[in-house]
C-alpha cells in the first residue's frame, strides 16, 4: 500500500505545477484528479463553488 495525500489546488495548472515539484515524482508517479465533494441542485460542486444558503 502506498501513501496517499490530497491537496486542494485552484486549477489544473496549479496542480500540474505542484506535481512537477513534488519529490515523489522523481521515483514514482503523481496522479492528478478532479475532486467534487458536494452534490447540490442536481450537480457536483467543488470546494468554494457552493452558494450561500439564505
C-alpha atoms as a PDB file:
ATOM      1  CA  UNK A   1       0.000   0.000   0.000  1.00  0.00           C
ATOM      2  CA  UNK A   2       1.328   3.435  -0.897  1.00  0.00           C
ATOM      3  CA  UNK A   3       0.727   6.673   0.960  1.00  0.00           C
ATOM      4  CA  UNK A   4      -1.950   8.940  -0.444  1.00  0.00           C
ATOM      5  CA  UNK A   5      -2.108  12.674   0.019  1.00  0.00           C
ATOM      6  CA  UNK A   6      -4.749  15.112  -1.061  1.00  0.00           C
ATOM      7  CA  UNK A   7      -4.099  18.760  -1.862  1.00  0.00           C
ATOM      8  CA  UNK A   8      -6.608  21.383  -2.933  1.00  0.00           C
ATOM      9  CA  UNK A   9      -5.475  23.413  -5.907  1.00  0.00           C
ATOM     10  CA  UNK A  10      -7.318  26.314  -7.543  1.00  0.00           C
ATOM     11  CA  UNK A  11      -6.992  24.891 -11.057  1.00  0.00           C
ATOM     12  CA  UNK A  12      -5.352  22.235 -13.219  1.00  0.00           C
ATOM     13  CA  UNK A  13      -2.308  24.395 -13.997  1.00  0.00           C
ATOM     14  CA  UNK A  14      -1.580  24.849 -10.279  1.00  0.00           C
ATOM     15  CA  UNK A  15      -1.945  21.095  -9.715  1.00  0.00           C
ATOM     16  CA  UNK A  16       0.478  20.313 -12.541  1.00  0.00           C
ATOM     17  CA  UNK A  17       2.940  22.876 -11.176  1.00  0.00           C
ATOM     18  CA  UNK A  18       2.786  21.301  -7.719  1.00  0.00           C
ATOM     19  CA  UNK A  19       3.152  17.777  -9.118  1.00  0.00           C
ATOM     20  CA  UNK A  20       6.171  18.847 -11.168  1.00  0.00           C
ATOM     21  CA  UNK A  21       7.952  19.953  -7.962  1.00  0.00           C
ATOM     22  CA  UNK A  22       6.875  17.012  -5.797  1.00  0.00           C
ATOM     23  CA  UNK A  23       9.925  14.985  -4.661  1.00  0.00           C
ATOM     24  CA  UNK A  24       7.984  11.724  -5.113  1.00  0.00           C
ATOM     25  CA  UNK A  25       7.763  12.438  -8.845  1.00  0.00           C
ATOM     26  CA  UNK A  26      11.493  11.668  -9.111  1.00  0.00           C
ATOM     27  CA  UNK A  27      10.985   7.983  -8.289  1.00  0.00           C
ATOM     28  CA  UNK A  28       7.251   7.352  -8.544  1.00  0.00           C
ATOM     29  CA  UNK A  29       4.031   8.620 -10.022  1.00  0.00           C
ATOM     30  CA  UNK A  30       1.921  11.620  -9.146  1.00  0.00           C
ATOM     31  CA  UNK A  31      -1.730  11.366 -10.048  1.00  0.00           C
ATOM     32  CA  UNK A  32      -3.888  14.450 -10.581  1.00  0.00           C
ATOM     33  CA  UNK A  33      -7.645  14.015 -10.251  1.00  0.00           C
ATOM     34  CA  UNK A  34     -10.506  16.465 -10.093  1.00  0.00           C
ATOM     35  CA  UNK A  35     -12.496  16.202  -6.922  1.00  0.00           C
ATOM     36  CA  UNK A  36     -16.137  17.013  -6.276  1.00  0.00           C
ATOM     37  CA  UNK A  37     -17.334  16.846  -2.723  1.00  0.00           C
ATOM     38  CA  UNK A  38     -20.816  18.345  -2.685  1.00  0.00           C
ATOM     39  CA  UNK A  39     -23.885  17.278  -4.651  1.00  0.00           C
ATOM     40  CA  UNK A  40     -26.321  20.172  -4.684  1.00  0.00           C
ATOM     41  CA  UNK A  41     -29.027  21.302  -7.112  1.00  0.00           C
ATOM     42  CA  UNK A  42     -28.511  18.228  -9.276  1.00  0.00           C
ATOM     43  CA  UNK A  43     -24.778  18.646  -9.866  1.00  0.00           C
ATOM     44  CA  UNK A  44     -21.414  18.015  -8.230  1.00  0.00           C
ATOM     45  CA  UNK A  45     -19.693  21.132  -6.931  1.00  0.00           C
ATOM     46  CA  UNK A  46     -16.077  21.620  -5.928  1.00  0.00           C
ATOM     47  CA  UNK A  47     -14.987  23.305  -2.695  1.00  0.00           C
ATOM     48  CA  UNK A  48     -15.576  27.040  -2.823  1.00  0.00           C
ATOM     49  CA  UNK A  49     -18.237  26.843  -5.530  1.00  0.00           C
ATOM     50  CA  UNK A  50     -21.134  26.403  -3.117  1.00  0.00           C
ATOM     51  CA  UNK A  51     -23.507  29.319  -2.853  1.00  0.00           C
ATOM     52  CA  UNK A  52     -24.540  30.761   0.498  1.00  0.00           C
ATOM     53  CA  UNK A  53     -27.806  29.450   1.849  1.00  0.00           C
ATOM     54  CA  UNK A  54     -30.360  32.210   2.610  1.00  0.00           C
END
